[in-house]
Amino acid sequence: MGDFNHPDICWRDNTTGHEKSRKFLECVDDNYLLQMVEEPTRKGALMDFSLTNKEGMVGNIKLKGSLGCSDHETIEFKILRTVRRVCRKLTTLDFRKADFGLSRDLIGRVTWEKVHYI
């Protein structure tokens, strides 16, 4: 939640004209985040976002006017459900049971000259 200063982003189309905003959009997308605010929050631009990683987690978003001398709208929202933390047994790998000979053999078969790196 906050003022991210990317007024050029079109959230409906997920597009922008500026490199800095494009990188921000890629970061949001790469981290599977959803932007929940839909109305302009400062001088006709959508500048203040509420990002979440779970659909249905944030709702009832309302703009409530500015606070003090700010030219930004305040945003009221509700967290619709809580995430329960369940104590689970942590699964770890037992490397003592690994077949390192097989691993070396499989890695040795890779034609590294043909591998494309991103």
Protein backbone atom coordinates (compact mmCIF):
# COMPACT_ATOMS: atom_id res chain seq x y z
CA MET A 1 0.00 0.00 0.00
CA GLY A 2 1.41 3.38 -0.86
CA ASP A 3 2.29 6.13 -3.32
CA PHE A 4 4.31 4.51 -6.10
CA ASN A 5 4.54 7.53 -8.46
CA HIS A 6 3.75 5.74 -11.72
CA PRO A 7 0.87 7.86 -13.10
CA ASP A 8 1.56 6.67 -16.67
CA ILE A 9 0.60 3.04 -16.00
CA CYS A 10 -2.63 1.85 -17.56
CA TRP A 11 -3.69 -0.96 -15.20
CA ARG A 12 -6.60 -2.01 -17.40
CA ASP A 13 -4.25 -2.81 -20.30
CA ASN A 14 -1.12 -3.40 -18.18
CA THR A 15 0.85 -0.94 -20.35
CA THR A 16 3.04 2.11 -19.89
CA GLY A 17 5.18 4.46 -21.94
CA HIS A 18 8.11 4.83 -19.56
CA GLU A 19 10.95 2.40 -18.89
CA LYS A 20 10.89 2.87 -15.10
CA SER A 21 7.15 2.11 -15.00
CA ARG A 22 7.60 -0.87 -17.32
CA LYS A 23 10.14 -2.35 -14.90
CA PHE A 24 7.73 -1.74 -12.04
CA LEU A 25 4.95 -3.52 -13.97
CA GLU A 26 7.29 -6.45 -14.67
CA CYS A 27 8.15 -6.67 -10.96
CA VAL A 28 4.45 -6.69 -10.03
CA ASP A 29 3.79 -9.37 -12.64
CA ASP A 30 6.86 -11.47 -11.75
CA ASN A 31 5.72 -11.56 -8.11
CA TYR A 32 2.10 -12.41 -8.99
CA LEU A 33 0.78 -9.24 -7.37
CA LEU A 34 -2.62 -7.70 -8.03
CA GLN A 35 -3.25 -3.95 -7.93
CA MET A 36 -6.60 -3.33 -6.24
CA VAL A 37 -7.20 0.46 -6.42
CA GLU A 38 -9.21 1.43 -9.51
CA GLU A 39 -9.98 5.15 -9.04
CA PRO A 40 -7.59 8.09 -9.44
CA THR A 41 -6.00 9.10 -6.15
CA ARG A 42 -4.14 12.28 -7.10
CA LYS A 43 -5.09 14.93 -9.69
CA GLY A 44 -6.87 12.42 -11.95
CA ALA A 45 -4.02 9.90 -11.85
CA LEU A 46 -3.87 6.56 -10.11
CA MET A 47 -0.78 7.05 -7.94
CA ASP A 48 -1.57 5.12 -4.77
CA PHE A 49 -1.79 1.37 -5.03
CA SER A 50 -2.84 -1.51 -2.86
CA LEU A 51 -0.92 -4.59 -3.97
CA THR A 52 -1.83 -8.09 -2.83
CA ASN A 53 -0.76 -11.59 -3.76
CA LYS A 54 -4.15 -13.21 -3.08
CA GLU A 55 -7.34 -12.47 -4.93
CA GLY A 56 -10.16 -11.79 -2.49
CA MET A 57 -7.82 -10.80 0.34
CA VAL A 58 -8.43 -7.03 0.04
CA GLY A 59 -11.79 -5.46 -0.69
CA ASN A 60 -14.27 -2.70 0.04
CA ILE A 61 -11.78 -0.13 -1.25
CA LYS A 62 -13.05 3.43 -0.91
CA LEU A 63 -11.46 6.82 -1.50
CA LYS A 64 -12.10 9.01 1.54
CA GLY A 65 -10.79 12.47 0.60
CA SER A 66 -7.47 14.02 1.45
CA LEU A 67 -5.92 14.10 4.88
CA GLY A 68 -4.62 17.45 6.07
CA CYS A 69 -2.71 19.32 3.33
CA SER A 70 -2.09 16.25 1.17
CA ASP A 71 -3.22 16.31 -2.46
CA HIS A 72 -3.65 12.51 -2.40
CA GLU A 73 -6.89 10.75 -1.56
CA THR A 74 -6.81 8.51 1.48
CA ILE A 75 -7.74 4.91 0.78
CA GLU A 76 -9.84 2.79 3.09
CA PHE A 77 -9.93 -0.96 2.57
CA LYS A 78 -10.69 -4.14 4.45
CA ILE A 79 -8.69 -7.30 4.72
CA LEU A 80 -11.39 -9.85 3.98
CA ARG A 81 -9.80 -12.96 5.33
CA THR A 82 -6.85 -13.79 7.46
CA VAL A 83 -4.18 -16.24 6.54
CA ARG A 84 -3.86 -18.92 9.17
CA ARG A 85 -0.41 -20.10 9.94
CA VAL A 86 -0.43 -23.83 10.30
CA CYS A 87 2.46 -25.51 12.03
CA ARG A 88 3.74 -28.02 9.56
CA LYS A 89 6.70 -30.27 9.72
CA LEU A 90 9.45 -28.78 7.58
CA THR A 91 10.55 -31.19 4.87
CA THR A 92 14.27 -31.20 4.19
CA LEU A 93 16.41 -33.14 1.78
CA ASP A 94 18.72 -35.83 3.10
CA PHE A 95 21.86 -35.37 1.01
CA ARG A 96 23.41 -38.49 2.56
CA LYS A 97 21.00 -40.50 0.35
CA ALA A 98 21.90 -38.60 -2.85
CA ASP A 99 23.43 -40.42 -5.81
CA PHE A 100 26.19 -37.96 -6.69
CA GLY A 101 27.67 -40.30 -9.27
CA LEU A 102 24.39 -40.26 -11.19
CA SER A 103 24.21 -36.47 -10.84
CA ARG A 104 27.73 -36.08 -12.28
CA ASP A 105 26.83 -38.43 -15.14
CA LEU A 106 23.62 -36.57 -16.01
CA ILE A 107 25.30 -33.15 -15.83
CA GLY A 108 28.16 -34.49 -17.97
CA ARG A 109 25.68 -35.40 -20.73
CA VAL A 110 24.50 -31.80 -21.18
CA THR A 111 25.81 -30.11 -24.33
CA TRP A 112 26.56 -26.83 -22.62
CA GLU A 113 27.49 -25.09 -25.88
CA LYS A 114 23.85 -25.43 -26.98
CA VAL A 115 22.27 -24.27 -23.73
CA HIS A 116 20.60 -20.83 -24.04
CA TYR A 117 20.97 -18.57 -21.04
CA ILE A 118 18.38 -15.95 -20.22
